[in-house]
PDB file of N, CA and C in Angstrom:
ATOM      1  N   MET A   1      45.240  46.258  36.905  1.00  0.00           N
ATOM      2  CA  MET A   1      43.896  45.903  37.467  1.00  0.00           C
ATOM      3  C   MET A   1      42.937  46.470  36.420  1.00  0.00           C
ATOM      4  N   GLN A   2      42.011  45.453  36.020  1.00  0.00           N
ATOM      5  CA  GLN A   2      40.990  45.670  35.063  1.00  0.00           C
ATOM      6  C   GLN A   2      39.803  46.515  35.868  1.00  0.00           C
ATOM      7  N   ARG A   3      39.131  47.527  35.226  1.00  0.00           N
ATOM      8  CA  ARG A   3      38.114  48.210  35.775  1.00  0.00           C
ATOM      9  C   ARG A   3      36.699  47.491  35.113  1.00  0.00           C
ATOM     10  N   ARG A   4      35.885  47.140  35.953  1.00  0.00           N
ATOM     11  CA  ARG A   4      34.582  46.634  35.489  1.00  0.00           C
ATOM     12  C   ARG A   4      33.473  47.209  36.177  1.00  0.00           C
ATOM     13  N   CYS A   5      32.259  46.916  35.581  1.00  0.00           N
ATOM     14  CA  CYS A   5      30.963  47.409  36.244  1.00  0.00           C
ATOM     15  C   CYS A   5      30.780  46.621  37.495  1.00  0.00           C
ATOM     16  N   ALA A   6      30.394  47.142  38.457  1.00  0.00           N
ATOM     17  CA  ALA A   6      30.165  46.420  39.746  1.00  0.00           C
ATOM     18  C   ALA A   6      28.612  46.031  39.775  1.00  0.00           C
ATOM     19  N   GLU A   7      28.334  44.697  39.918  1.00  0.00           N
ATOM     20  CA  GLU A   7      26.870  44.326  40.097  1.00  0.00           C
ATOM     21  C   GLU A   7      26.400  44.529  41.541  1.00  0.00           C
ATOM     22  N   ARG A   8      27.402  44.559  42.453  1.00  0.00           N
ATOM     23  CA  ARG A   8      27.050  44.965  43.804  1.00  0.00           C
ATOM     24  C   ARG A   8      28.073  46.012  44.279  1.00  0.00           C
ATOM     25  N   PRO A   9      27.674  47.165  44.073  1.00  0.00           N
ATOM     26  CA  PRO A   9      28.722  48.184  44.357  1.00  0.00           C
ATOM     27  C   PRO A   9      28.823  48.422  45.872  1.00  0.00           C
ATOM     28  N   THR A  10      30.043  48.702  46.487  1.00  0.00           N
ATOM     29  CA  THR A  10      30.181  49.082  47.735  1.00  0.00           C
ATOM     30  C   THR A  10      31.040  50.291  47.728  1.00  0.00           C
ATOM     31  N   SER A  11      31.493  50.754  48.880  1.00  0.00           N
ATOM     32  CA  SER A  11      32.437  51.861  48.945  1.00  0.00           C
ATOM     33  C   SER A  11      33.756  51.483  48.360  1.00  0.00           C
ATOM     34  N   SER A  12      34.139  50.156  48.709  1.00  0.00           N
ATOM     35  CA  SER A  12      35.522  49.662  48.153  1.00  0.00           C
ATOM     36  C   SER A  12      35.697  49.517  46.770  1.00  0.00           C
ATOM     37  N   ASN A  13      34.696  49.200  46.071  1.00  0.00           N
ATOM     38  CA  ASN A  13      34.829  48.896  44.717  1.00  0.00           C
ATOM     39  C   ASN A  13      34.073  49.783  43.696  1.00  0.00           C
ATOM     40  N   GLY A  14      33.712  50.830  44.166  1.00  0.00           N
ATOM     41  CA  GLY A  14      33.051  51.765  43.341  1.00  0.00           C
ATOM     42  C   GLY A  14      32.651  53.170  43.929  1.00  0.00           C
ATOM     43  N   LEU A  15      32.485  54.176  43.298  1.00  0.00           N
ATOM     44  CA  LEU A  15      32.205  55.405  43.691  1.00  0.00           C
ATOM     45  C   LEU A  15      30.817  55.715  43.824  1.00  0.00           C
ATOM     46  N   TYR A  16      30.036  54.922  43.049  1.00  0.00           N
ATOM     47  CA  TYR A  16      28.535  55.280  42.829  1.00  0.00           C
ATOM     48  C   TYR A  16      27.799  54.148  43.580  1.00  0.00           C
ATOM     49  N   SER A  17      26.544  54.516  44.270  1.00  0.00           N
ATOM     50  CA  SER A  17      25.821  53.604  45.030  1.00  0.00           C
ATOM     51  C   SER A  17      25.117  52.566  44.340  1.00  0.00           C
ATOM     52  N   GLN A  18      25.064  52.715  42.941  1.00  0.00           N
ATOM     53  CA  GLN A  18      24.343  51.583  42.114  1.00  0.00           C
ATOM     54  C   GLN A  18      25.324  51.476  40.981  1.00  0.00           C
ATOM     55  N   GLY A  19      25.390  50.256  40.744  1.00  0.00           N
ATOM     56  CA  GLY A  19      26.353  49.897  39.562  1.00  0.00           C
ATOM     57  C   GLY A  19      25.768  50.219  38.174  1.00  0.00           C
ATOM     58  N   CYS A  20      26.689  50.337  37.262  1.00  0.00           N
ATOM     59  CA  CYS A  20      26.116  50.568  35.715  1.00  0.00           C
ATOM     60  C   CYS A  20      25.428  49.444  35.317  1.00  0.00           C
ATOM     61  N   TYR A  21      25.784  48.069  35.514  1.00  0.00           N
ATOM     62  CA  TYR A  21      25.084  47.065  35.143  1.00  0.00           C
ATOM     63  C   TYR A  21      23.508  47.084  35.507  1.00  0.00           C
ATOM     64  N   THR A  22      23.413  47.545  36.723  1.00  0.00           N
ATOM     65  CA  THR A  22      21.991  47.630  37.340  1.00  0.00           C
ATOM     66  C   THR A  22      21.146  48.768  36.644  1.00  0.00           C
ATOM     67  N   LYS A  23      21.957  49.985  36.408  1.00  0.00           N
ATOM     68  CA  LYS A  23      21.362  51.117  35.937  1.00  0.00           C
ATOM     69  C   LYS A  23      20.921  50.717  34.334  1.00  0.00           C
ATOM     70  N   VAL A  24      21.781  50.068  33.654  1.00  0.00           N
ATOM     71  CA  VAL A  24      21.468  49.747  32.191  1.00  0.00           C
ATOM     72  C   VAL A  24      20.417  48.855  32.061  1.00  0.00           C
ATOM     73  N   LYS A  25      20.373  47.786  33.161  1.00  0.00           N
ATOM     74  CA  LYS A  25      19.273  46.897  32.944  1.00  0.00           C
ATOM     75  C   LYS A  25      18.054  47.380  33.383  1.00  0.00           C
ATOM     76  N   ASP A  26      17.971  48.322  34.265  1.00  0.00           N
ATOM     77  CA  ASP A  26      16.645  49.083  34.712  1.00  0.00           C
ATOM     78  C   ASP A  26      16.229  50.128  33.680  1.00  0.00           C
ATOM     79  N   PHE A  27      17.129  50.693  32.857  1.00  0.00           N
ATOM     80  CA  PHE A  27      16.749  51.487  31.873  1.00  0.00           C
ATOM     81  C   PHE A  27      16.165  50.625  30.798  1.00  0.00           C
ATOM     82  N   ILE A  28      16.689  49.590  30.281  1.00  0.00           N
ATOM     83  CA  ILE A  28      16.086  48.809  29.216  1.00  0.00           C
ATOM     84  C   ILE A  28      14.760  48.113  29.630  1.00  0.00           C
ATOM     85  N   GLU A  29      14.631  47.745  30.935  1.00  0.00           N
ATOM     86  CA  GLU A  29      13.374  47.290  31.430  1.00  0.00           C
ATOM     87  C   GLU A  29      12.402  48.334  31.236  1.00  0.00           C
ATOM     88  N   ASP A  30      12.634  49.553  31.673  1.00  0.00           N
ATOM     89  CA  ASP A  30      11.828  50.801  31.769  1.00  0.00           C
ATOM     90  C   ASP A  30      11.393  51.202  30.505  1.00  0.00           C
ATOM     91  N   ASN A  31      12.291  51.127  29.452  1.00  0.00           N
ATOM     92  CA  ASN A  31      11.955  51.708  28.108  1.00  0.00           C
ATOM     93  C   ASN A  31      11.699  50.447  27.102  1.00  0.00           C
ATOM     94  N   SER A  32      11.475  49.344  27.556  1.00  0.00           N
ATOM     95  CA  SER A  32      11.471  48.302  26.562  1.00  0.00           C
ATOM     96  C   SER A  32      10.337  48.432  25.560  1.00  0.00           C
ATOM     97  N   ALA A  33       9.198  49.097  25.857  1.00  0.00           N
ATOM     98  CA  ALA A  33       8.290  49.342  24.708  1.00  0.00           C
ATOM     99  C   ALA A  33       8.748  50.265  23.859  1.00  0.00           C
ATOM    100  N   ILE A  34       9.413  51.578  24.054  1.00  0.00           N
ATOM    101  CA  ILE A  34      10.036  52.339  23.279  1.00  0.00           C
ATOM    102  C   ILE A  34      11.013  51.592  22.256  1.00  0.00           C
ATOM    103  N   ILE A  35      11.961  51.018  22.887  1.00  0.00           N
ATOM    104  CA  ILE A  35      13.118  50.349  22.270  1.00  0.00           C
ATOM    105  C   ILE A  35      12.485  49.329  21.279  1.00  0.00           C
ATOM    106  N   GLY A  36      11.429  48.504  21.561  1.00  0.00           N
ATOM    107  CA  GLY A  36      10.835  47.734  20.811  1.00  0.00           C
ATOM    108  C   GLY A  36      10.175  48.323  19.646  1.00  0.00           C
ATOM    109  N   GLY A  37       9.528  49.555  19.768  1.00  0.00           N
ATOM    110  CA  GLY A  37       8.751  50.307  18.830  1.00  0.00           C
ATOM    111  C   GLY A  37       9.755  50.808  17.755  1.00  0.00           C
ATOM    112  N   VAL A  38      10.977  51.361  18.288  1.00  0.00           N
ATOM    113  CA  VAL A  38      11.872  51.899  17.480  1.00  0.00           C
ATOM    114  C   VAL A  38      12.487  50.750  16.345  1.00  0.00           C
ATOM    115  N   CYS A  39      12.684  49.673  17.189  1.00  0.00           N
ATOM    116  CA  CYS A  39      13.036  48.261  16.234  1.00  0.00           C
ATOM    117  C   CYS A  39      12.239  48.071  15.187  1.00  0.00           C
ATOM    118  N   ILE A  40      10.987  47.914  15.603  1.00  0.00           N
ATOM    119  CA  ILE A  40       9.877  47.607  14.477  1.00  0.00           C
ATOM    120  C   ILE A  40       9.706  48.716  13.351  1.00  0.00           C
ATOM    121  N   GLY A  41       9.813  49.854  13.882  1.00  0.00           N
ATOM    122  CA  GLY A  41       9.756  51.067  12.897  1.00  0.00           C
ATOM    123  C   GLY A  41      10.982  50.824  11.830  1.00  0.00           C
ATOM    124  N   ILE A  42      12.146  50.761  12.407  1.00  0.00           N
ATOM    125  CA  ILE A  42      13.248  50.427  11.573  1.00  0.00           C
ATOM    126  C   ILE A  42      13.007  49.313  10.601  1.00  0.00           C
ATOM    127  N   LEU A  43      12.614  48.209  11.042  1.00  0.00           N
ATOM    128  CA  LEU A  43      12.102  47.045  10.160  1.00  0.00           C
ATOM    129  C   LEU A  43      11.347  47.418   9.103  1.00  0.00           C
ATOM    130  N   VAL A  44      10.157  48.185   9.436  1.00  0.00           N
ATOM    131  CA  VAL A  44       9.162  48.617   8.523  1.00  0.00           C
ATOM    132  C   VAL A  44       9.919  49.246   7.443  1.00  0.00           C
ATOM    133  N   VAL A  45      10.705  50.351   7.700  1.00  0.00           N
ATOM    134  CA  VAL A  45      11.431  51.173   6.802  1.00  0.00           C
ATOM    135  C   VAL A  45      12.183  50.339   5.915  1.00  0.00           C
ATOM    136  N   MET A  46      12.992  49.406   6.495  1.00  0.00           N
ATOM    137  CA  MET A  46      13.921  48.566   5.693  1.00  0.00           C
ATOM    138  C   MET A  46      12.999  47.619   4.741  1.00  0.00           C
ATOM    139  N   LEU A  47      11.960  47.097   5.037  1.00  0.00           N
ATOM    140  CA  LEU A  47      10.962  46.205   4.142  1.00  0.00           C
ATOM    141  C   LEU A  47      10.352  47.199   3.053  1.00  0.00           C
ATOM    142  N   VAL A  48      10.116  48.234   3.377  1.00  0.00           N
ATOM    143  CA  VAL A  48       9.665  49.239   2.386  1.00  0.00           C
ATOM    144  C   VAL A  48      10.699  49.627   1.314  1.00  0.00           C
ATOM    145  N   ASN A  49      11.893  49.941   1.840  1.00  0.00           N
ATOM    146  CA  ASN A  49      13.045  50.107   1.000  1.00  0.00           C
ATOM    147  C   ASN A  49      13.299  48.960   0.119  1.00  0.00           C
ATOM    148  N   PHE A  50      13.232  47.643   0.674  1.00  0.00           N
ATOM    149  CA  PHE A  50      13.433  46.467  -0.110  1.00  0.00           C
ATOM    150  C   PHE A  50      12.291  46.133  -1.305  1.00  0.00           C
ATOM    151  N   GLY A  51      11.051  46.613  -0.940  1.00  0.00           N
ATOM    152  CA  GLY A  51      10.025  46.591  -1.759  1.00  0.00           C
ATOM    153  C   GLY A  51      10.197  47.445  -3.044  1.00  0.00           C
ATOM    154  N   ILE A  52      10.503  48.731  -2.691  1.00  0.00           N
ATOM    155  CA  ILE A  52      10.876  49.705  -3.731  1.00  0.00           C
ATOM    156  C   ILE A  52      11.966  49.250  -4.607  1.00  0.00           C
ATOM    157  N   ALA A  53      13.068  48.764  -4.112  1.00  0.00           N
ATOM    158  CA  ALA A  53      14.293  48.260  -4.777  1.00  0.00           C
ATOM    159  C   ALA A  53      13.852  47.167  -5.819  1.00  0.00           C
ATOM    160  N   LEU A  54      13.160  46.287  -5.201  1.00  0.00           N
ATOM    161  CA  LEU A  54      12.664  45.016  -6.016  1.00  0.00           C
ATOM    162  C   LEU A  54      11.700  45.655  -7.239  1.00  0.00           C
ATOM    163  N   TYR A  55      10.737  46.437  -6.863  1.00  0.00           N
ATOM    164  CA  TYR A  55       9.977  47.052  -7.880  1.00  0.00           C
ATOM    165  C   TYR A  55      10.840  47.685  -9.074  1.00  0.00           C
ATOM    166  N   MET A  56      11.881  48.526  -8.676  1.00  0.00           N
ATOM    167  CA  MET A  56      12.660  49.213  -9.585  1.00  0.00           C
ATOM    168  C   MET A  56      13.400  48.240 -10.363  1.00  0.00           C
ATOM    169  N   TRP A  57      13.959  47.199  -9.818  1.00  0.00           N
ATOM    170  CA  TRP A  57      14.838  46.139 -10.468  1.00  0.00           C
ATOM    171  C   TRP A  57      13.957  45.461 -11.364  1.00  0.00           C
ATOM    172  N   CYS A  58      12.569  44.935 -11.163  1.00  0.00           N
ATOM    173  CA  CYS A  58      11.761  44.380 -12.142  1.00  0.00           C
ATOM    174  C   CYS A  58      11.386  45.310 -13.337  1.00  0.00           C
ATOM    175  N   ALA A  59      11.171  46.729 -12.817  1.00  0.00           N
ATOM    176  CA  ALA A  59      10.901  47.630 -14.067  1.00  0.00           C
ATOM    177  C   ALA A  59      12.124  47.869 -15.110  1.00  0.00           C
ATOM    178  N   ILE A  60      13.133  47.856 -14.567  1.00  0.00           N
ATOM    179  CA  ILE A  60      14.467  48.015 -15.364  1.00  0.00           C
ATOM    180  C   ILE A  60      14.638  46.654 -16.190  1.00  0.00           C
ATOM    181  N   ALA A  61      14.533  45.600 -15.485  1.00  0.00           N
ATOM    182  CA  ALA A  61      14.630  44.431 -16.182  1.00  0.00           C
ATOM    183  C   ALA A  61      13.628  44.069 -17.359  1.00  0.00           C
ATOM    184  N   LYS A  62      12.438  44.611 -17.185  1.00  0.00           N
ATOM    185  CA  LYS A  62      11.503  44.535 -18.264  1.00  0.00           C
ATOM    186  C   LYS A  62      11.904  45.378 -19.441  1.00  0.00           C
ATOM    187  N   GLY A  63      12.362  46.611 -19.161  1.00  0.00           N
ATOM    188  CA  GLY A  63      12.716  47.420 -20.352  1.00  0.00           C
ATOM    189  C   GLY A  63      13.939  46.974 -21.043  1.00  0.00           C
ATOM    190  N   ARG A  64      14.924  46.246 -20.468  1.00  0.00           N
ATOM    191  CA  ARG A  64      16.121  45.868 -20.932  1.00  0.00           C
ATOM    192  C   ARG A  64      16.061  44.860 -21.995  1.00  0.00           C
ATOM    193  N   PRO A  65      16.579  44.875 -23.215  1.00  0.00           N
ATOM    194  CA  PRO A  65      16.467  43.571 -23.923  1.00  0.00           C
ATOM    195  C   PRO A  65      17.350  42.513 -23.601  1.00  0.00           C
ATOM    196  N   ARG A  66      16.867  41.347 -23.707  1.00  0.00           N
ATOM    197  CA  ARG A  66      17.753  40.121 -23.540  1.00  0.00           C
ATOM    198  C   ARG A  66      18.889  39.900 -24.166  1.00  0.00           C
ATOM    199  N   ARG A  67      20.009  39.254 -23.953  1.00  0.00           N
ATOM    200  CA  ARG A  67      21.340  39.297 -24.496  1.00  0.00           C
ATOM    201  C   ARG A  67      21.063  38.602 -26.015  1.00  0.00           C
ATOM    202  N   GLY A  68      20.069  37.671 -26.018  1.00  0.00           N
ATOM    203  CA  GLY A  68      20.023  36.994 -27.336  1.00  0.00           C
ATOM    204  C   GLY A  68      19.213  38.055 -28.341  1.00  0.00           C
ATOM    205  N   ASP A  69      18.245  38.819 -27.761  1.00  0.00           N
ATOM    206  CA  ASP A  69      17.590  39.761 -28.564  1.00  0.00           C
ATOM    207  C   ASP A  69      18.592  40.950 -28.992  1.00  0.00           C
ATOM    208  N   TYR A  70      19.503  41.252 -28.220  1.00  0.00           N
ATOM    209  CA  TYR A  70      20.381  42.365 -28.533  1.00  0.00           C
ATOM    210  C   TYR A  70      21.393  41.828 -29.677  1.00  0.00           C
ATOM    211  N   ASP A  71      21.715  40.639 -29.574  1.00  0.00           N
ATOM    212  CA  ASP A  71      22.719  40.094 -30.658  1.00  0.00           C
ATOM    213  C   ASP A  71      21.985  39.946 -31.994  1.00  0.00           C
ATOM    214  N   LYS A  72      20.806  39.579 -32.088  1.00  0.00           N
ATOM    215  CA  LYS A  72      20.001  39.570 -33.220  1.00  0.00           C
ATOM    216  C   LYS A  72      19.837  40.951 -33.887  1.00  0.00           C
ATOM    217  N   ALA A  73      19.460  41.789 -32.979  1.00  0.00           N
ATOM    218  CA  ALA A  73      19.226  43.155 -33.488  1.00  0.00           C
ATOM    219  C   ALA A  73      20.638  43.814 -34.155  1.00  0.00           C
ATOM    220  N   ARG A  74      21.705  43.437 -33.449  1.00  0.00           N
ATOM    221  CA  ARG A  74      22.947  44.006 -33.932  1.00  0.00           C
ATOM    222  C   ARG A  74      23.270  43.234 -35.149  1.00  0.00           C
ATOM    223  N   ALA A  75      23.088  42.011 -35.356  1.00  0.00           N
ATOM    224  CA  ALA A  75      23.280  41.347 -36.472  1.00  0.00           C
ATOM    225  C   ALA A  75      22.680  41.885 -37.817  1.00  0.00           C
ATOM    226  N   ARG A  76      21.388  42.272 -37.571  1.00  0.00           N
ATOM    227  CA  ARG A  76      20.424  42.814 -38.575  1.00  0.00           C
ATOM    228  C   ARG A  76      21.087  44.200 -39.143  1.00  0.00           C
ATOM    229  N   ASP A  77      21.713  44.955 -38.198  1.00  0.00           N
ATOM    230  CA  ASP A  77      22.194  46.180 -38.750  1.00  0.00           C
ATOM    231  C   ASP A  77      23.363  46.219 -39.486  1.00  0.00           C
ATOM    232  N   TYR A  78      24.106  44.952 -39.507  1.00  0.00           N
ATOM    233  CA  TYR A  78      25.271  44.826 -40.244  1.00  0.00           C
ATOM    234  C   TYR A  78      24.887  44.202 -41.626  1.00  0.00           C
TER     235      TYR A  78
END
């Protein structure tokens, strides 16, 4: 027999007077503003992280010689 959360708990199908489905649903509804705020905060941190990574990538790419420039400089040394 598979145990599942009871949507309509009774004394025959569960020990508790309220099912876990209802409890989780109520918890999410009661705390939806907090959950949404945390999600938006995580999104902002990820976007800032992406911006910093992009800036660093561009800064490194500017300082690195291109492949053709490297080959020309190496040919002059010989």
